[in-house]
Amino acid sequence: MLGAGVAMAPYLGWRIAQKIAKTSDAASPLDVTTFRRWPPQSLMPWGMRAFELWHRYKDRREGVLAPIDYR
């Protein structure tokens, strides 16, 4: 589906800019939206390291990545 959301994107960007600049008092769906913190977000640094190590292992096993010399 090409072009999905193309017509709506500039309008939503304009509405978000109005909310940030506080130039409009009109109601918006953004008024009732709450952005909650994702609980596992604090594990991201550890999770990204594990993800990297897993893919390095897979690459080495498939012969894509040469072993790293840690000398």
C-alpha atoms as a PDB file:
ATOM      1  CA  MET A   1       0.000   0.000   0.000  1.00  0.00           C
ATOM      2  CA  LEU A   2       1.908   2.996  -1.259  1.00  0.00           C
ATOM      3  CA  GLY A   3       1.265   6.436   0.108  1.00  0.00           C
ATOM      4  CA  ALA A   4      -0.432   5.311   3.305  1.00  0.00           C
ATOM      5  CA  GLY A   5      -0.575   8.278   5.658  1.00  0.00           C
ATOM      6  CA  VAL A   6       1.001  10.733   3.242  1.00  0.00           C
ATOM      7  CA  ALA A   7      -1.959  13.096   3.298  1.00  0.00           C
ATOM      8  CA  MET A   8      -2.307  12.968   7.077  1.00  0.00           C
ATOM      9  CA  ALA A   9       1.381  13.381   7.995  1.00  0.00           C
ATOM     10  CA  PRO A  10       1.690  17.142   7.284  1.00  0.00           C
ATOM     11  CA  TYR A  11      -1.538  17.843   9.161  1.00  0.00           C
ATOM     12  CA  LEU A  12      -0.437  15.867  12.206  1.00  0.00           C
ATOM     13  CA  GLY A  13       2.979  17.548  12.120  1.00  0.00           C
ATOM     14  CA  TRP A  14       1.268  20.934  12.049  1.00  0.00           C
ATOM     15  CA  ARG A  15      -0.975  19.960  14.997  1.00  0.00           C
ATOM     16  CA  ILE A  16       2.018  18.711  17.014  1.00  0.00           C
ATOM     17  CA  ALA A  17       3.888  21.948  16.276  1.00  0.00           C
ATOM     18  CA  GLN A  18       0.885  23.933  17.517  1.00  0.00           C
ATOM     19  CA  LYS A  19       0.816  21.915  20.742  1.00  0.00           C
ATOM     20  CA  ILE A  20       4.550  22.385  21.312  1.00  0.00           C
ATOM     21  CA  ALA A  21       4.335  26.135  20.622  1.00  0.00           C
ATOM     22  CA  LYS A  22       1.082  26.366  22.618  1.00  0.00           C
ATOM     23  CA  THR A  23      -0.551  28.450  19.869  1.00  0.00           C
ATOM     24  CA  SER A  24      -3.801  26.507  19.703  1.00  0.00           C
ATOM     25  CA  ASP A  25      -6.403  25.658  22.317  1.00  0.00           C
ATOM     26  CA  ALA A  26      -8.317  23.336  19.986  1.00  0.00           C
ATOM     27  CA  ALA A  27      -8.902  19.803  21.222  1.00  0.00           C
ATOM     28  CA  SER A  28      -6.589  17.176  19.851  1.00  0.00           C
ATOM     29  CA  PRO A  29      -6.188  13.417  20.296  1.00  0.00           C
ATOM     30  CA  LEU A  30      -2.726  14.237  21.626  1.00  0.00           C
ATOM     31  CA  ASP A  31      -4.340  15.800  24.700  1.00  0.00           C
ATOM     32  CA  VAL A  32      -5.571  12.484  26.049  1.00  0.00           C
ATOM     33  CA  THR A  33      -2.549  10.427  25.059  1.00  0.00           C
ATOM     34  CA  THR A  34      -0.233   9.484  27.889  1.00  0.00           C
ATOM     35  CA  PHE A  35       3.247   8.260  27.166  1.00  0.00           C
ATOM     36  CA  ARG A  36       4.230   5.659  29.698  1.00  0.00           C
ATOM     37  CA  ARG A  37       7.768   4.483  30.204  1.00  0.00           C
ATOM     38  CA  TRP A  38       8.336   0.989  28.909  1.00  0.00           C
ATOM     39  CA  PRO A  39       9.476  -1.056  31.964  1.00  0.00           C
ATOM     40  CA  PRO A  40      12.230  -3.091  30.233  1.00  0.00           C
ATOM     41  CA  GLN A  41      13.802   0.131  28.950  1.00  0.00           C
ATOM     42  CA  SER A  42      16.230   0.096  31.867  1.00  0.00           C
ATOM     43  CA  LEU A  43      17.551  -3.238  30.557  1.00  0.00           C
ATOM     44  CA  MET A  44      18.328  -1.823  27.102  1.00  0.00           C
ATOM     45  CA  PRO A  45      22.116  -1.390  27.522  1.00  0.00           C
ATOM     46  CA  TRP A  46      22.433  -4.983  28.736  1.00  0.00           C
ATOM     47  CA  GLY A  47      19.965  -6.250  26.164  1.00  0.00           C
ATOM     48  CA  MET A  48      21.745  -4.515  23.289  1.00  0.00           C
ATOM     49  CA  ARG A  49      25.064  -6.036  24.334  1.00  0.00           C
ATOM     50  CA  ALA A  50      23.492  -9.508  24.448  1.00  0.00           C
ATOM     51  CA  PHE A  51      21.892  -8.880  21.046  1.00  0.00           C
ATOM     52  CA  GLU A  52      25.251  -7.815  19.595  1.00  0.00           C
ATOM     53  CA  LEU A  53      27.068 -10.846  21.005  1.00  0.00           C
ATOM     54  CA  TRP A  54      24.389 -13.221  19.709  1.00  0.00           C
ATOM     55  CA  HIS A  55      24.649 -11.836  16.171  1.00  0.00           C
ATOM     56  CA  ARG A  56      28.450 -11.838  16.267  1.00  0.00           C
ATOM     57  CA  TYR A  57      28.277 -15.527  17.221  1.00  0.00           C
ATOM     58  CA  LYS A  58      25.872 -16.237  14.358  1.00  0.00           C
ATOM     59  CA  ASP A  59      28.072 -14.345  11.872  1.00  0.00           C
ATOM     60  CA  ARG A  60      31.181 -16.243  12.949  1.00  0.00           C
ATOM     61  CA  ARG A  61      29.345 -19.559  12.773  1.00  0.00           C
ATOM     62  CA  GLU A  62      28.233 -18.764   9.218  1.00  0.00           C
ATOM     63  CA  GLY A  63      31.705 -17.553   8.244  1.00  0.00           C
ATOM     64  CA  VAL A  64      30.621 -13.994   7.591  1.00  0.00           C
ATOM     65  CA  LEU A  65      32.743 -12.327  10.269  1.00  0.00           C
ATOM     66  CA  ALA A  66      36.364 -13.153  10.961  1.00  0.00           C
ATOM     67  CA  PRO A  67      37.249 -13.851  14.614  1.00  0.00           C
ATOM     68  CA  ILE A  68      38.277 -10.764  16.587  1.00  0.00           C
ATOM     69  CA  ASP A  69      41.851 -10.662  17.878  1.00  0.00           C
ATOM     70  CA  TYR A  70      41.686  -9.188  21.397  1.00  0.00           C
ATOM     71  CA  ARG A  71      45.465  -8.998  21.977  1.00  0.00           C
END
